[in-house]
Structure formats: structure tokens, C-alpha cells
Amino acid sequence: MNSFLKLLVAVVAVVFLSCKQDKKQEKSVNAESVEEYTNLNATDSKSEVQFSDNKTQKIYLQYLEVKAAMVNTDSVAVQKASKKLASIISSSEEDKQLKATSKLISLTKNIKKQRDFFVTLTSEIEKHIANAEITSGEVYKQFCPMAFGGEGGYWLSDSKEIRNPYYGNKMLTCGTVKQVLN
């Protein structure tokens, strides 16, 4: 009976230790399997654009957050950035379409639909900043001829380097700088 008890204790100890070891391995596997977030929107250089109007500055910088989330194909981040953009846009008649488009994107979970609406958002942002004075830096108007079945799509950027919001990692550098606003 004494040897049976020793054997039972040994078996329980082995099971206990192996289960504990499995849990440790599971934790380390989970920690290792979580890839470090890669920002596809990162570029070697950025233009630190400054507008004379603080409100325009905030709107443009928030637009860039929406664009970055699109480049990273992160629909949740697109929603959050668009919601924040809508909150800082005035309810004036001239900003009505800009605010409505921002809200629409923030309510849409589908990245493809968000990208469809992004064309209008870009057009409205461009109208908004056209009336503002850029005191330093440059805004790059970029174009992807492949977007939307070959119709193409524009976006604004703070870098000459192309980071395509319409295709993300599928065609990250597809596009050209069509205009420099300064």
C-alpha cells in the first residue's frame, strides 16, 4: 500500500507539473503569436503641414488618421478616426457634406464601403483646405489609377511616398503625386 501511495503521488505530481508546464507554454506561445503591429502608412519623410487656421489644422490631421487606418485596412480604426473627425467639423452649411460623409464612414463597418466613401471625404477635405492658408509644409494630392475598377481615386497625404488607402497592403505603393499644395 505504501508503494501504491508513492506511485499515486508520483503520477499526480507528473500530471500537475505537466499541466502547469503546458499553461506556461501556452502563455508564451500566445505572447509570441501576437505579431507586432506594423504601420503600413509609415514613410521615410513627412511634411509637417501648418495651416493658419487651427480648426483646419485639426480637421486635416484627423483626415490623415482616417487615411492611415485605411492604408492599414483597419475598419475599426477607420470608424473611430471618422467619428472623431465628424466631432470636430462644424455644423455650418459649407461643412455639411464633409460632416455627413465623416459620420457615414464612422457608421460603416465594411472597409470596402469605407473606401468608397473616402473618395467623397477626400474631395470635401480638399475643398475645405483650399480656402485655408498653408503657412508651412506641403500637402500631396495623390492618385491611384487602379482604384474603383480603373476609374481611379484621389487622396491627400503628408508624404511624397505613396501609401494607397484604397488597396492597403495589396497595392501599397500604387499611385502618383498629382499636385503639391503649399
Protein backbone atom coordinates (compact mmCIF):
# COMPACT_ATOMS: atom_id res chain seq x y z
CA MET A 1 0.00 0.00 0.00
CA ASN A 2 2.88 2.30 0.76
CA SER A 3 4.32 1.80 -2.74
CA PHE A 4 0.86 2.36 -4.23
CA LEU A 5 0.61 5.66 -2.39
CA LYS A 6 4.09 6.68 -3.61
CA LEU A 7 3.12 5.76 -7.17
CA LEU A 8 -0.12 7.74 -6.90
CA VAL A 9 1.72 10.80 -5.56
CA ALA A 10 4.28 10.49 -8.36
CA VAL A 11 1.57 10.28 -11.04
CA VAL A 12 -0.32 13.26 -9.59
CA ALA A 13 2.93 15.24 -9.39
CA VAL A 14 3.78 14.45 -13.03
CA VAL A 15 0.28 15.38 -14.20
CA PHE A 16 0.30 18.55 -12.11
CA LEU A 17 3.73 19.63 -13.34
CA SER A 18 2.97 18.83 -16.97
CA CYS A 19 -0.32 20.75 -16.82
CA LYS A 20 1.44 23.69 -15.24
CA GLN A 21 4.16 23.48 -17.88
CA ASP A 22 1.53 23.37 -20.66
CA LYS A 23 -0.04 26.52 -19.30
CA LYS A 24 3.33 28.27 -19.28
CA GLN A 25 3.97 27.13 -22.84
CA GLU A 26 0.50 28.24 -23.87
CA LYS A 27 1.11 31.69 -22.44
CA SER A 28 4.44 32.07 -24.16
CA VAL A 29 3.05 30.77 -27.46
CA ASN A 30 0.22 33.29 -27.25
CA ALA A 31 2.64 36.10 -26.48
CA GLU A 32 4.87 35.09 -29.38
CA SER A 33 1.98 34.58 -31.79
CA VAL A 34 0.75 38.13 -31.38
CA GLU A 35 2.55 39.94 -34.15
CA GLU A 36 3.85 43.39 -33.52
CA TYR A 37 1.57 45.95 -35.20
CA THR A 38 3.07 47.12 -38.46
CA ASN A 39 2.04 50.56 -39.61
CA LEU A 40 1.83 50.33 -43.39
CA ASN A 41 1.31 54.08 -43.53
CA ALA A 42 4.82 54.76 -42.21
CA THR A 43 7.11 56.64 -44.60
CA ASP A 44 10.69 57.87 -44.51
CA SER A 45 9.66 61.53 -44.59
CA LYS A 46 6.62 63.57 -43.71
CA SER A 47 5.73 67.16 -44.37
CA GLU A 48 4.77 68.92 -41.15
CA VAL A 49 1.94 70.97 -42.60
CA GLN A 50 0.80 74.03 -40.70
CA PHE A 51 -2.39 75.91 -41.54
CA SER A 52 -3.03 79.47 -40.38
CA ASP A 53 -6.41 78.31 -39.06
CA ASN A 54 -6.29 75.98 -36.05
CA LYS A 55 -9.64 74.34 -36.91
CA THR A 56 -8.43 73.43 -40.41
CA GLN A 57 -5.23 72.08 -38.87
CA LYS A 58 -7.22 69.73 -36.61
CA ILE A 59 -9.50 68.61 -39.44
CA TYR A 60 -6.58 67.87 -41.78
CA LEU A 61 -4.63 65.96 -39.13
CA GLN A 62 -7.71 63.89 -38.29
CA TYR A 63 -8.28 63.21 -42.01
CA LEU A 64 -4.72 61.82 -42.08
CA GLU A 65 -5.69 59.47 -39.22
CA VAL A 66 -8.61 58.18 -41.30
CA LYS A 67 -6.30 57.72 -44.29
CA ALA A 68 -3.72 55.87 -42.17
CA ALA A 69 -6.38 53.48 -40.88
CA MET A 70 -7.49 52.85 -44.48
CA VAL A 71 -3.91 52.13 -45.54
CA ASN A 72 -3.68 49.66 -42.66
CA THR A 73 -7.04 48.11 -43.67
CA ASP A 74 -8.31 48.58 -40.12
CA SER A 75 -12.05 49.22 -40.39
CA VAL A 76 -12.46 49.70 -36.62
CA ALA A 77 -9.74 52.37 -36.56
CA VAL A 78 -11.36 53.97 -39.64
CA GLN A 79 -14.65 54.16 -37.75
CA LYS A 80 -13.04 55.71 -34.67
CA ALA A 81 -10.99 58.24 -36.64
CA SER A 82 -14.01 59.20 -38.76
CA LYS A 83 -16.18 59.64 -35.69
CA LYS A 84 -13.56 61.92 -34.17
CA LEU A 85 -13.31 63.83 -37.45
CA ALA A 86 -17.08 64.34 -37.54
CA SER A 87 -16.98 65.67 -33.97
CA ILE A 88 -14.51 68.45 -34.82
CA ILE A 89 -16.21 69.60 -38.04
CA SER A 90 -18.61 72.49 -37.61
CA SER A 91 -22.28 72.15 -38.46
CA SER A 92 -22.08 75.07 -40.86
CA GLU A 93 -23.72 74.88 -44.27
CA GLU A 94 -20.34 74.83 -46.03
CA ASP A 95 -19.12 71.84 -43.96
CA LYS A 96 -22.43 69.96 -44.10
CA GLN A 97 -21.28 67.38 -46.69
CA LEU A 98 -17.90 66.92 -45.01
CA LYS A 99 -19.52 66.25 -41.64
CA ALA A 100 -22.16 63.92 -43.16
CA THR A 101 -19.53 61.88 -45.02
CA SER A 102 -17.39 61.57 -41.89
CA LYS A 103 -20.42 60.34 -39.93
CA LEU A 104 -21.34 57.89 -42.69
CA ILE A 105 -17.85 56.36 -42.66
CA SER A 106 -17.96 56.10 -38.87
CA LEU A 107 -21.19 54.08 -39.08
CA THR A 108 -19.87 51.68 -41.74
CA LYS A 109 -18.01 48.54 -40.67
CA ASN A 110 -17.16 47.30 -44.17
CA ILE A 111 -13.70 48.52 -45.30
CA LYS A 112 -14.70 48.41 -48.97
CA LYS A 113 -17.66 50.73 -48.34
CA GLN A 114 -15.49 52.95 -46.15
CA ARG A 115 -13.06 53.26 -49.05
CA ASP A 116 -15.93 54.12 -51.40
CA PHE A 117 -16.97 56.97 -49.08
CA PHE A 118 -13.34 58.03 -48.65
CA VAL A 119 -13.37 59.43 -52.20
CA THR A 120 -16.06 61.92 -51.19
CA LEU A 121 -14.35 62.63 -47.88
CA THR A 122 -11.12 63.48 -49.73
CA SER A 123 -12.96 65.77 -52.13
CA GLU A 124 -14.64 67.59 -49.24
CA ILE A 125 -11.38 67.92 -47.27
CA GLU A 126 -9.70 69.29 -50.37
CA LYS A 127 -12.44 71.94 -50.70
CA HIS A 128 -12.06 72.79 -47.02
CA ILE A 129 -8.27 73.24 -47.13
CA ALA A 130 -8.41 75.11 -50.46
CA ASN A 131 -9.84 78.06 -48.53
CA ALA A 132 -7.14 77.90 -45.87
CA GLU A 133 -3.63 79.30 -45.87
CA ILE A 134 -0.76 76.82 -45.54
CA THR A 135 1.93 78.62 -43.55
CA SER A 136 4.50 75.81 -43.82
CA GLY A 137 4.85 72.34 -45.24
CA GLU A 138 3.09 70.69 -48.16
CA VAL A 139 0.00 68.61 -48.82
CA TYR A 140 0.38 65.99 -51.52
CA LYS A 141 -2.63 65.18 -53.68
CA GLN A 142 -2.13 61.60 -54.81
CA PHE A 143 -3.94 59.39 -57.30
CA CYS A 144 -4.32 55.66 -57.87
CA PRO A 145 -5.45 54.87 -61.43
CA MET A 146 -6.40 51.29 -60.49
CA ALA A 147 -8.94 52.18 -57.79
CA PHE A 148 -12.63 51.60 -58.41
CA GLY A 149 -12.31 49.41 -61.45
CA GLY A 150 -9.91 51.71 -63.28
CA GLU A 151 -11.82 54.96 -62.59
CA GLY A 152 -9.13 55.95 -60.12
CA GLY A 153 -9.24 57.67 -56.77
CA TYR A 154 -7.53 60.64 -55.12
CA TRP A 155 -6.38 61.17 -51.55
CA LEU A 156 -4.32 63.72 -49.64
CA SER A 157 -1.08 62.90 -47.87
CA ASP A 158 1.64 64.42 -45.74
CA SER A 159 4.33 62.46 -47.61
CA LYS A 160 5.56 62.21 -51.21
CA GLU A 161 5.80 58.47 -50.70
CA ILE A 162 2.68 56.66 -51.84
CA ARG A 163 0.69 54.77 -49.22
CA ASN A 164 -2.50 53.75 -51.00
CA PRO A 165 -5.64 53.89 -48.82
CA TYR A 166 -7.74 52.12 -51.47
CA TYR A 167 -5.72 48.91 -51.51
CA GLY A 168 -3.64 48.85 -48.33
CA ASN A 169 -1.00 46.11 -48.37
CA LYS A 170 -2.34 44.66 -51.65
CA MET A 171 -1.03 47.61 -53.69
CA LEU A 172 0.59 49.80 -51.06
CA THR A 173 2.68 51.96 -53.38
CA CYS A 174 0.32 52.14 -56.38
CA GLY A 175 -0.20 55.77 -57.30
CA THR A 176 1.46 59.05 -58.10
CA VAL A 177 1.64 62.58 -56.73
CA LYS A 178 -0.63 64.68 -58.95
CA GLN A 179 -0.36 68.02 -57.17
CA VAL A 180 1.53 69.67 -54.32
CA LEU A 181 -0.42 72.17 -52.25
CA ASN A 182 1.64 74.72 -50.33
